[in-house]
Amino acid sequence: MAEDRIWIRDLHPGSDVEESYAVRSRELRQRRGGGPYLAGVLADRTGQVAALAWENAEELFKIMKPGAVVRIRGQVQRYNQRLQVVIRQARLVDPEEVDERLFIRSSSIDPDLLWNRLMGLVEKVGDERLRQLLFRIFSDPGLSERFKASPAARSMHHAYRSGLMEHTVSMTTVAKSLAEHYRLNVDLVVAGCLLHDLGKVWELEPGPSIEYTDDGRLLGHLSMEVLFVDRQIGQLDGFPEETRRQLLHILLAHHGEYAYGSPRRPKTPEAQLVHMVDNLDAKISGMLDAIGSGGETEEAWTAYQPLLERYVYRRRLNDD
């Protein structure tokens, strides 16, 4: 029963734990004095925690494969101001017995509401060719179902079911307003935002743990979405070449910098806006998520946030 679970958010130093968690990562390391030990990360829908095993490390390494759910027995400790679980025993849980809802979060917003908002944004695109392209893509039943459920990332931001749709709707709404303010091509910005992470539906596989697909590791979401969108454009009669060029540039440039995996840096105002709003939405969401989850509620600071490369101050004005 979920009510009887020992959630990761409820772990306390010094307590014994026997519970099932999803494996996010694991690796064998060498002790300074010789011999291997296991270091990994366990997770459920409330958070994640470091895990160590000093004994039977090689055997446990075989059991604890990323994406699997394991039943562990161990003790919770605090090390360098962070919790960790020292595992004594672990066994694999039969995948048929796994309730994925226990191990991966879902958006707090109703997916149907998000989908209606997304389609509302599509319907308001004034450029007939772009609107036709967007309807063609999002009306595909297989793609739309994947899009509704897909996370936006494995761990950094919106890393939960329907996170991709939540992120897409949020940033499109903000970017549309800013495009109107700066007198940019609003329809192009909206189309770029709606499609900017479309490849995540093929890059990530939501399960007990969000994992990369083979295509995700080899090709990446950015290249997959550009190839897909270009194929869809090719099947539309009379799609303007200049619109195609600028839309594909937005997709290719939305990571902003070469260091962040962007094949191109933004070279149009619309591409620059999409990149900056993408970054804005990811980081504000990451801050709010860090404030609202993990750690003890009376603590003023969150744990270190890799996405933001800093700690986040928890106390909010007018918060009870």
Protein backbone atom coordinates (compact mmCIF):
# COMPACT_ATOMS: atom_id res chain seq x y z
CA MET A 1 0.00 0.00 0.00
CA ALA A 2 1.27 3.46 -0.88
CA GLU A 3 0.07 4.76 2.50
CA ASP A 4 2.45 2.38 4.27
CA ARG A 5 5.50 3.23 2.17
CA ILE A 6 8.65 4.72 3.55
CA TRP A 7 8.97 7.59 1.11
CA ILE A 8 12.40 9.01 0.40
CA ARG A 9 11.24 12.43 1.60
CA ASP A 10 10.53 10.85 5.02
CA LEU A 11 13.91 9.18 5.54
CA HIS A 12 15.69 10.20 8.75
CA PRO A 13 19.30 9.63 9.86
CA GLY A 14 19.81 6.62 12.09
CA SER A 15 16.67 4.79 11.01
CA ASP A 16 16.49 1.34 9.46
CA VAL A 17 14.68 1.04 6.18
CA GLU A 18 13.16 -1.82 4.22
CA GLU A 19 11.40 -0.59 1.10
CA SER A 20 11.26 -0.72 -2.71
CA TYR A 21 12.89 2.04 -4.75
CA ALA A 22 13.77 2.64 -8.38
CA VAL A 23 17.45 2.56 -9.32
CA ARG A 24 18.52 5.79 -11.02
CA SER A 25 22.23 4.96 -11.32
CA ARG A 26 24.92 2.66 -9.95
CA GLU A 27 28.66 2.17 -10.36
CA LEU A 28 31.44 0.12 -8.82
CA ARG A 29 34.21 2.11 -7.18
CA GLN A 30 37.43 1.13 -5.47
CA ARG A 31 38.11 1.73 -1.80
CA ARG A 32 41.34 3.41 -0.86
CA GLY A 33 42.39 0.28 0.98
CA GLY A 34 41.43 -1.99 -1.91
CA GLY A 35 38.27 -3.82 -2.85
CA PRO A 36 35.11 -2.55 -4.58
CA TYR A 37 32.09 -0.79 -3.17
CA LEU A 38 28.81 0.16 -4.81
CA ALA A 39 27.66 3.78 -5.17
CA GLY A 40 24.27 4.58 -6.62
CA VAL A 41 21.10 6.63 -6.46
CA LEU A 42 17.66 5.37 -5.43
CA ALA A 43 14.41 7.21 -6.13
CA ASP A 44 10.68 7.29 -5.74
CA ARG A 45 8.19 9.96 -6.73
CA THR A 46 9.09 12.10 -3.70
CA GLY A 47 12.81 12.43 -4.43
CA GLN A 48 16.08 10.57 -4.59
CA VAL A 49 18.85 9.55 -2.20
CA ALA A 50 22.44 8.37 -2.48
CA ALA A 51 23.00 4.67 -1.80
CA LEU A 52 26.16 2.77 -0.82
CA ALA A 53 26.97 -0.88 -0.34
CA TRP A 54 30.26 -1.88 1.27
CA GLU A 55 29.65 -5.65 1.21
CA ASN A 56 28.74 -7.88 -1.77
CA ALA A 57 29.21 -4.88 -4.03
CA GLU A 58 29.74 -6.84 -7.24
CA GLU A 59 26.67 -9.01 -6.67
CA LEU A 60 24.51 -5.99 -5.85
CA PHE A 61 25.84 -4.21 -8.93
CA LYS A 62 24.34 -6.98 -11.10
CA ILE A 63 20.96 -6.62 -9.39
CA MET A 64 20.69 -2.85 -9.28
CA LYS A 65 20.33 -1.95 -12.95
CA PRO A 66 19.16 1.58 -13.79
CA GLY A 67 15.42 1.60 -14.39
CA ALA A 68 14.82 -1.48 -12.23
CA VAL A 69 12.95 -1.50 -8.92
CA VAL A 70 14.71 -3.18 -6.00
CA ARG A 71 13.65 -4.04 -2.48
CA ILE A 72 16.43 -2.96 -0.14
CA ARG A 73 17.25 -3.32 3.52
CA GLY A 74 19.65 -0.88 5.07
CA GLN A 75 20.27 2.09 7.33
CA VAL A 76 19.89 5.81 6.71
CA GLN A 77 22.91 7.96 7.55
CA ARG A 78 23.91 11.59 7.16
CA TYR A 79 27.23 12.32 5.47
CA ASN A 80 28.46 15.81 4.54
CA GLN A 81 25.01 17.24 5.32
CA ARG A 82 23.29 14.84 2.92
CA LEU A 83 21.35 11.66 3.53
CA GLN A 84 22.52 8.31 2.21
CA VAL A 85 21.30 4.73 2.55
CA VAL A 86 23.85 2.04 3.36
CA ILE A 87 22.44 -1.10 1.75
CA ARG A 88 22.80 -4.46 3.49
CA GLN A 89 20.55 -6.51 1.22
CA ALA A 90 18.75 -5.96 -2.09
CA ARG A 91 16.59 -8.04 -4.40
CA LEU A 92 15.00 -7.31 -7.74
CA VAL A 93 11.24 -6.67 -7.76
CA ASP A 94 9.26 -8.45 -10.48
CA PRO A 95 8.37 -5.78 -13.11
CA GLU A 96 4.82 -7.19 -13.21
CA GLU A 97 4.41 -6.20 -9.55
CA VAL A 98 5.69 -2.63 -9.99
CA ASP A 99 3.27 0.29 -9.74
CA GLU A 100 5.13 2.96 -11.70
CA ARG A 101 3.09 5.73 -10.06
CA LEU A 102 5.04 5.13 -6.84
CA PHE A 103 8.38 5.87 -8.46
CA ILE A 104 7.89 8.68 -10.96
CA ARG A 105 6.07 11.94 -10.33
CA SER A 106 3.38 13.39 -12.54
CA SER A 107 2.65 17.01 -13.31
CA SER A 108 0.46 18.65 -10.69
CA ILE A 109 -1.62 20.05 -13.57
CA ASP A 110 -4.32 17.89 -15.17
CA PRO A 111 -2.88 16.54 -18.48
CA ASP A 112 -6.22 17.11 -20.22
CA LEU A 113 -6.15 20.77 -19.17
CA LEU A 114 -2.57 21.11 -20.45
CA TRP A 115 -3.50 19.49 -23.75
CA ASN A 116 -6.48 21.81 -24.20
CA ARG A 117 -4.22 24.80 -23.54
CA LEU A 118 -1.66 23.52 -26.05
CA MET A 119 -4.27 23.02 -28.77
CA GLY A 120 -5.69 26.44 -27.97
CA LEU A 121 -2.27 27.92 -28.69
CA VAL A 122 -2.16 26.04 -32.00
CA GLU A 123 -5.62 27.25 -33.01
CA LYS A 124 -4.62 30.89 -32.48
CA VAL A 125 -1.64 30.73 -34.86
CA GLY A 126 -2.50 33.18 -37.61
CA ASP A 127 -0.04 31.92 -40.22
CA GLU A 128 -2.03 29.34 -42.16
CA ARG A 129 1.00 27.22 -43.13
CA LEU A 130 2.43 27.08 -39.61
CA ARG A 131 -1.00 26.29 -38.16
CA GLN A 132 -1.45 23.50 -40.70
CA LEU A 133 1.97 22.07 -39.79
CA LEU A 134 1.24 22.17 -36.06
CA PHE A 135 -2.17 20.53 -36.48
CA ARG A 136 -0.60 17.83 -38.65
CA ILE A 137 2.01 17.04 -35.99
CA PHE A 138 -0.09 17.20 -32.83
CA SER A 139 -3.12 15.42 -34.33
CA ASP A 140 -1.09 12.25 -34.87
CA PRO A 141 -2.56 9.84 -32.27
CA GLY A 142 0.66 7.99 -31.51
CA LEU A 143 2.75 11.12 -31.17
CA SER A 144 0.15 13.02 -29.14
CA GLU A 145 -0.18 10.22 -26.59
CA ARG A 146 3.58 10.09 -26.12
CA PHE A 147 3.75 13.87 -25.89
CA LYS A 148 1.06 13.95 -23.18
CA ALA A 149 2.98 11.51 -20.98
CA SER A 150 6.61 12.41 -21.71
CA PRO A 151 8.91 14.08 -19.19
CA ALA A 152 10.93 17.08 -20.30
CA ALA A 153 14.20 15.73 -18.90
CA ARG A 154 15.70 12.81 -17.03
CA SER A 155 16.61 14.80 -13.93
CA MET A 156 17.19 18.52 -14.51
CA HIS A 157 13.78 20.18 -14.92
CA HIS A 158 10.18 19.02 -15.44
CA ALA A 159 11.50 15.48 -14.92
CA TYR A 160 8.12 13.83 -14.41
CA ARG A 161 5.18 12.51 -16.40
CA SER A 162 3.58 15.22 -18.53
CA GLY A 163 6.52 17.47 -17.69
CA LEU A 164 7.23 18.04 -21.38
CA MET A 165 3.70 19.27 -22.01
CA GLU A 166 3.74 21.45 -18.87
CA HIS A 167 7.07 23.02 -19.87
CA THR A 168 5.97 23.53 -23.48
CA VAL A 169 2.68 25.20 -22.60
CA SER A 170 4.31 27.38 -19.94
CA MET A 171 7.14 28.70 -22.09
CA THR A 172 4.92 29.17 -25.17
CA THR A 173 2.52 31.30 -23.14
CA VAL A 174 5.35 33.46 -21.80
CA ALA A 175 7.18 33.69 -25.14
CA LYS A 176 4.01 34.69 -27.00
CA SER A 177 3.52 37.65 -24.68
CA LEU A 178 7.16 38.72 -25.04
CA ALA A 179 7.06 38.32 -28.83
CA GLU A 180 4.08 40.68 -28.94
CA HIS A 181 5.91 43.13 -26.69
CA TYR A 182 9.02 43.17 -28.92
CA ARG A 183 6.98 43.12 -32.14
CA LEU A 184 8.52 39.89 -33.36
CA ASN A 185 6.86 37.26 -35.54
CA VAL A 186 4.51 35.83 -32.91
CA ASP A 187 3.38 32.83 -34.97
CA LEU A 188 6.98 31.78 -35.62
CA VAL A 189 7.84 32.09 -31.93
CA VAL A 190 4.78 30.06 -30.91
CA ALA A 191 5.57 27.33 -33.44
CA GLY A 192 9.21 27.25 -32.33
CA CYS A 193 8.22 26.90 -28.67
CA LEU A 194 5.65 24.19 -29.32
CA LEU A 195 8.15 22.13 -31.31
CA HIS A 196 11.41 22.97 -29.52
CA ASP A 197 11.50 19.79 -27.40
CA LEU A 198 9.32 17.53 -29.53
CA GLY A 199 12.19 15.04 -29.86
CA LYS A 200 11.95 14.27 -26.15
CA VAL A 201 9.10 11.88 -26.96
CA TRP A 202 11.69 9.64 -28.66
CA GLU A 203 14.66 10.50 -26.47
CA LEU A 204 13.20 9.57 -23.06
CA GLU A 205 11.31 6.55 -21.83
CA PRO A 206 9.22 7.12 -18.69
CA GLY A 207 8.96 4.09 -16.39
CA PRO A 208 9.80 3.52 -12.72
CA SER A 209 12.84 5.62 -13.61
CA ILE A 210 13.19 8.00 -16.57
CA GLU A 211 15.80 6.53 -18.90
CA TYR A 212 17.27 7.42 -22.28
CA THR A 213 16.27 5.33 -25.29
CA ASP A 214 18.93 4.04 -27.66
CA ASP A 215 17.91 6.72 -30.18
CA GLY A 216 18.07 9.28 -27.40
CA ARG A 217 21.66 8.40 -26.58
CA LEU A 218 22.80 8.08 -30.18
CA LEU A 219 20.86 10.87 -31.88
CA GLY A 220 19.46 13.20 -29.22
CA HIS A 221 16.12 14.99 -29.16
CA LEU A 222 17.30 18.03 -31.09
CA SER A 223 18.41 16.20 -34.21
CA MET A 224 15.40 13.86 -34.15
CA GLU A 225 12.88 16.70 -33.97
CA VAL A 226 14.56 18.69 -36.74
CA LEU A 227 14.53 15.67 -39.06
CA PHE A 228 10.92 14.90 -38.16
CA VAL A 229 9.63 18.46 -38.60
CA ASP A 230 11.47 18.82 -41.91
CA ARG A 231 9.84 15.60 -43.17
CA GLN A 232 6.41 16.92 -42.17
CA ILE A 233 7.07 20.21 -43.95
CA GLY A 234 8.10 18.29 -47.06
CA GLN A 235 4.66 16.67 -47.19
CA LEU A 236 2.84 20.01 -47.23
CA ASP A 237 2.30 21.66 -50.60
CA GLY A 238 3.54 25.20 -50.91
CA PHE A 239 5.17 25.57 -47.50
CA PRO A 240 7.29 28.75 -47.75
CA GLU A 241 11.02 28.06 -47.87
CA GLU A 242 11.86 31.11 -45.74
CA THR A 243 9.42 29.99 -43.02
CA ARG A 244 10.94 26.49 -43.11
CA ARG A 245 14.45 27.91 -42.81
CA GLN A 246 13.68 30.14 -39.85
CA LEU A 247 11.60 27.55 -37.99
CA LEU A 248 14.30 24.87 -38.31
CA HIS A 249 16.89 27.43 -37.17
CA ILE A 250 14.88 28.00 -33.98
CA LEU A 251 14.90 24.27 -33.28
CA LEU A 252 18.61 23.93 -34.03
CA ALA A 253 19.53 26.97 -31.91
CA HIS A 254 17.25 26.63 -28.88
CA HIS A 255 20.07 25.38 -26.60
CA GLY A 256 21.73 28.71 -27.20
CA GLU A 257 25.44 27.89 -27.03
CA TYR A 258 27.76 25.32 -28.59
CA ALA A 259 28.84 24.30 -25.08
CA TYR A 260 25.26 23.21 -24.35
CA GLY A 261 24.94 21.04 -27.42
CA SER A 262 23.46 23.65 -29.75
CA PRO A 263 24.49 23.06 -33.40
CA ARG A 264 23.78 26.74 -34.04
CA ARG A 265 23.61 29.81 -31.84
CA PRO A 266 20.47 31.98 -32.25
CA LYS A 267 20.85 34.29 -35.23
CA THR A 268 17.31 35.70 -35.41
CA PRO A 269 15.37 37.61 -32.73
CA GLU A 270 12.73 34.86 -32.67
CA ALA A 271 15.35 32.14 -32.08
CA GLN A 272 16.99 34.22 -29.34
CA LEU A 273 13.67 34.67 -27.59
CA VAL A 274 12.78 30.97 -27.73
CA HIS A 275 16.19 30.05 -26.31
CA MET A 276 15.99 32.56 -23.47
CA VAL A 277 12.42 31.68 -22.47
CA ASP A 278 13.30 27.98 -22.56
CA ASN A 279 16.15 28.69 -20.14
CA LEU A 280 13.94 30.93 -18.00
CA ASP A 281 11.15 28.38 -17.65
CA ALA A 282 13.57 25.55 -16.84
CA LYS A 283 15.40 27.51 -14.12
CA ILE A 284 12.39 29.10 -12.44
CA SER A 285 10.67 25.72 -12.38
CA GLY A 286 13.86 24.15 -11.01
CA MET A 287 14.05 26.74 -8.23
CA LEU A 288 10.41 26.29 -7.23
CA ASP A 289 10.76 22.52 -7.34
CA ALA A 290 13.86 22.66 -5.13
CA ILE A 291 12.08 24.88 -2.62
CA GLY A 292 9.06 22.61 -2.47
CA SER A 293 10.72 19.22 -2.22
CA GLY A 294 13.50 17.48 -0.34
CA GLY A 295 15.19 18.41 2.90
CA GLU A 296 13.62 19.42 6.16
CA THR A 297 11.02 22.15 5.82
CA GLU A 298 12.53 24.34 8.54
CA GLU A 299 15.87 24.49 6.74
CA ALA A 300 16.54 27.85 5.07
CA TRP A 301 18.50 26.40 2.16
CA THR A 302 17.92 23.58 -0.30
CA ALA A 303 20.49 20.98 -1.21
CA TYR A 304 22.92 22.00 -3.98
CA GLN A 305 21.09 22.22 -7.31
CA PRO A 306 23.18 21.04 -10.30
CA LEU A 307 20.84 22.70 -12.82
CA LEU A 308 21.35 26.09 -11.17
CA GLU A 309 24.89 25.49 -9.85
CA ARG A 310 23.93 26.95 -6.48
CA TYR A 311 21.92 26.48 -3.30
CA VAL A 312 18.44 28.03 -3.24
CA TYR A 313 17.01 30.08 -0.38
CA ARG A 314 13.77 28.46 0.74
CA ARG A 315 12.01 31.17 2.73
CA ARG A 316 9.32 33.00 0.75
CA LEU A 317 7.64 36.26 1.67
CA ASN A 318 4.02 35.80 2.76
CA ASP A 319 4.49 32.03 3.00
CA ASP A 320 3.05 30.24 6.05
